[in-house]
Amino acid sequence: MPKVGQKPVRAAKSKEALLSDNRKQEAFDLIVETYEALLQERGAEDKIWGSMIKQALKRRKPGFSESYYGFKSFGELLEQAEVKGILELEHDQKSGGFIIKGSP
């Protein structure tokens, strides 16, 4: 407990946590940019699969790796983007992959 006259110590985000948050946001931005480029290229009526986004990303940024951005898999990156309201996903039961349904 703080002594009289002392302010309580707040838990500040560590430098590593802030770096991780920034990297994750950068990954989300890359996903959205790539999704929008694929939509323009293919048209809105075509399905855009998560695997298509990853392939296009690898062409744009050959060194792309989801682990650099703090994700264990590309699927986890997509799922977190959905949780944050960045993408809308549909899980395909047959293939186990994701179809990107939209981006706000």
C-alpha atoms as a PDB file:
ATOM      1  CA  MET A   1       0.000   0.000   0.000  1.00  0.00           C
ATOM      2  CA  PRO A   2       1.221   3.479  -0.766  1.00  0.00           C
ATOM      3  CA  LYS A   3       2.181   5.678   2.118  1.00  0.00           C
ATOM      4  CA  VAL A   4       0.190   8.815   2.831  1.00  0.00           C
ATOM      5  CA  GLY A   5       0.990  11.411   0.187  1.00  0.00           C
ATOM      6  CA  GLN A   6       2.355   8.878  -2.297  1.00  0.00           C
ATOM      7  CA  LYS A   7       0.611   8.084  -5.549  1.00  0.00           C
ATOM      8  CA  PRO A   8      -0.040   4.428  -6.296  1.00  0.00           C
ATOM      9  CA  VAL A   9       2.371   2.924  -8.780  1.00  0.00           C
ATOM     10  CA  ARG A  10       0.636   2.153 -12.067  1.00  0.00           C
ATOM     11  CA  ALA A  11       1.639  -0.818 -14.105  1.00  0.00           C
ATOM     12  CA  ALA A  12       2.950   0.670 -17.326  1.00  0.00           C
ATOM     13  CA  LYS A  13       3.108  -1.378 -20.501  1.00  0.00           C
ATOM     14  CA  SER A  14       6.586  -2.664 -21.006  1.00  0.00           C
ATOM     15  CA  LYS A  15       8.615  -1.655 -24.007  1.00  0.00           C
ATOM     16  CA  GLU A  16       8.334  -5.218 -25.308  1.00  0.00           C
ATOM     17  CA  ALA A  17       4.527  -5.227 -24.998  1.00  0.00           C
ATOM     18  CA  LEU A  18       4.281  -1.936 -26.893  1.00  0.00           C
ATOM     19  CA  LEU A  19       6.592  -3.255 -29.614  1.00  0.00           C
ATOM     20  CA  SER A  20       4.471  -6.405 -29.834  1.00  0.00           C
ATOM     21  CA  ASP A  21       1.258  -4.333 -30.142  1.00  0.00           C
ATOM     22  CA  ASN A  22       2.830  -2.201 -32.882  1.00  0.00           C
ATOM     23  CA  ARG A  23       3.974  -5.272 -34.803  1.00  0.00           C
ATOM     24  CA  LYS A  24       0.549  -6.877 -34.535  1.00  0.00           C
ATOM     25  CA  GLN A  25      -1.097  -3.703 -35.838  1.00  0.00           C
ATOM     26  CA  GLU A  26       1.401  -3.647 -38.706  1.00  0.00           C
ATOM     27  CA  ALA A  27       0.440  -7.250 -39.564  1.00  0.00           C
ATOM     28  CA  PHE A  28      -3.267  -6.359 -39.494  1.00  0.00           C
ATOM     29  CA  ASP A  29      -2.578  -3.386 -41.798  1.00  0.00           C
ATOM     30  CA  LEU A  30      -0.700  -5.636 -44.239  1.00  0.00           C
ATOM     31  CA  ILE A  31      -3.584  -8.129 -44.263  1.00  0.00           C
ATOM     32  CA  VAL A  32      -6.186  -5.432 -44.979  1.00  0.00           C
ATOM     33  CA  GLU A  33      -4.052  -3.804 -47.710  1.00  0.00           C
ATOM     34  CA  THR A  34      -3.514  -7.174 -49.368  1.00  0.00           C
ATOM     35  CA  TYR A  35      -7.189  -8.116 -49.069  1.00  0.00           C
ATOM     36  CA  GLU A  36      -8.249  -4.827 -50.683  1.00  0.00           C
ATOM     37  CA  ALA A  37      -5.706  -5.264 -53.502  1.00  0.00           C
ATOM     38  CA  LEU A  38      -7.002  -8.791 -54.186  1.00  0.00           C
ATOM     39  CA  LEU A  39     -10.579  -7.500 -54.235  1.00  0.00           C
ATOM     40  CA  GLN A  40      -9.664  -4.887 -56.841  1.00  0.00           C
ATOM     41  CA  GLU A  41      -7.749  -7.444 -58.874  1.00  0.00           C
ATOM     42  CA  ARG A  42     -10.315 -10.274 -58.721  1.00  0.00           C
ATOM     43  CA  GLY A  43     -13.617  -8.490 -58.160  1.00  0.00           C
ATOM     44  CA  ALA A  44     -16.006  -8.576 -55.229  1.00  0.00           C
ATOM     45  CA  GLU A  45     -17.837 -11.691 -56.448  1.00  0.00           C
ATOM     46  CA  ASP A  46     -14.762 -13.950 -56.145  1.00  0.00           C
ATOM     47  CA  LYS A  47     -14.013 -15.670 -52.855  1.00  0.00           C
ATOM     48  CA  ILE A  48     -10.847 -14.441 -51.173  1.00  0.00           C
ATOM     49  CA  TRP A  49      -9.240 -17.223 -49.155  1.00  0.00           C
ATOM     50  CA  GLY A  50      -6.822 -16.661 -46.298  1.00  0.00           C
ATOM     51  CA  SER A  51      -4.231 -18.700 -48.182  1.00  0.00           C
ATOM     52  CA  MET A  52      -4.546 -16.322 -51.160  1.00  0.00           C
ATOM     53  CA  ILE A  53      -3.808 -13.388 -48.884  1.00  0.00           C
ATOM     54  CA  LYS A  54      -0.729 -15.119 -47.508  1.00  0.00           C
ATOM     55  CA  GLN A  55       0.560 -15.958 -51.010  1.00  0.00           C
ATOM     56  CA  ALA A  56       0.022 -12.373 -52.192  1.00  0.00           C
ATOM     57  CA  LEU A  57       1.697 -11.049 -49.029  1.00  0.00           C
ATOM     58  CA  LYS A  58       4.718 -13.284 -49.630  1.00  0.00           C
ATOM     59  CA  ARG A  59       5.004 -11.863 -53.156  1.00  0.00           C
ATOM     60  CA  ARG A  60       4.780  -8.287 -51.838  1.00  0.00           C
ATOM     61  CA  LYS A  61       7.050  -8.928 -48.837  1.00  0.00           C
ATOM     62  CA  PRO A  62       9.161 -12.045 -49.493  1.00  0.00           C
ATOM     63  CA  GLY A  63      10.446 -12.069 -45.918  1.00  0.00           C
ATOM     64  CA  PHE A  64       6.951 -12.024 -44.393  1.00  0.00           C
ATOM     65  CA  SER A  65       6.556 -14.331 -41.401  1.00  0.00           C
ATOM     66  CA  GLU A  66       3.580 -14.207 -39.050  1.00  0.00           C
ATOM     67  CA  SER A  67       5.840 -15.224 -36.153  1.00  0.00           C
ATOM     68  CA  TYR A  68       7.761 -11.934 -36.503  1.00  0.00           C
ATOM     69  CA  TYR A  69       4.486 -10.159 -35.748  1.00  0.00           C
ATOM     70  CA  GLY A  70       3.767 -12.316 -32.697  1.00  0.00           C
ATOM     71  CA  PHE A  71       1.481 -14.994 -34.159  1.00  0.00           C
ATOM     72  CA  LYS A  72       1.996 -18.759 -34.109  1.00  0.00           C
ATOM     73  CA  SER A  73       0.227 -19.261 -37.437  1.00  0.00           C
ATOM     74  CA  PHE A  74      -1.326 -17.281 -40.254  1.00  0.00           C
ATOM     75  CA  GLY A  75      -4.720 -18.628 -39.174  1.00  0.00           C
ATOM     76  CA  GLU A  76      -4.171 -17.158 -35.702  1.00  0.00           C
ATOM     77  CA  LEU A  77      -3.351 -13.792 -37.276  1.00  0.00           C
ATOM     78  CA  LEU A  78      -6.624 -13.909 -39.256  1.00  0.00           C
ATOM     79  CA  GLU A  79      -8.622 -14.984 -36.196  1.00  0.00           C
ATOM     80  CA  GLN A  80      -7.193 -12.137 -34.105  1.00  0.00           C
ATOM     81  CA  ALA A  81      -8.027  -9.683 -36.906  1.00  0.00           C
ATOM     82  CA  GLU A  82     -11.620 -10.923 -36.732  1.00  0.00           C
ATOM     83  CA  VAL A  83     -11.731 -10.604 -32.925  1.00  0.00           C
ATOM     84  CA  LYS A  84     -10.580  -6.980 -33.265  1.00  0.00           C
ATOM     85  CA  GLY A  85     -13.245  -6.273 -35.900  1.00  0.00           C
ATOM     86  CA  ILE A  86     -10.700  -5.805 -38.697  1.00  0.00           C
ATOM     87  CA  LEU A  87     -11.913  -8.697 -40.878  1.00  0.00           C
ATOM     88  CA  GLU A  88     -14.987 -10.874 -41.136  1.00  0.00           C
ATOM     89  CA  LEU A  89     -14.136 -14.549 -41.652  1.00  0.00           C
ATOM     90  CA  GLU A  90     -16.036 -17.644 -42.650  1.00  0.00           C
ATOM     91  CA  HIS A  91     -14.493 -20.959 -41.649  1.00  0.00           C
ATOM     92  CA  ASP A  92     -14.658 -23.549 -44.430  1.00  0.00           C
ATOM     93  CA  GLN A  93     -15.366 -26.921 -42.831  1.00  0.00           C
ATOM     94  CA  LYS A  94     -14.220 -28.893 -45.861  1.00  0.00           C
ATOM     95  CA  SER A  95     -10.768 -27.356 -46.276  1.00  0.00           C
ATOM     96  CA  GLY A  96     -10.250 -26.047 -42.748  1.00  0.00           C
ATOM     97  CA  GLY A  97      -9.285 -22.675 -44.222  1.00  0.00           C
ATOM     98  CA  PHE A  98     -10.819 -19.235 -43.972  1.00  0.00           C
ATOM     99  CA  ILE A  99     -12.768 -17.246 -46.529  1.00  0.00           C
ATOM    100  CA  ILE A 100     -12.487 -13.512 -45.970  1.00  0.00           C
ATOM    101  CA  LYS A 101     -16.002 -12.083 -46.059  1.00  0.00           C
ATOM    102  CA  GLY A 102     -15.130  -8.448 -45.630  1.00  0.00           C
ATOM    103  CA  SER A 103     -13.307  -5.651 -43.947  1.00  0.00           C
ATOM    104  CA  PRO A 104     -15.056  -2.673 -42.320  1.00  0.00           C
END
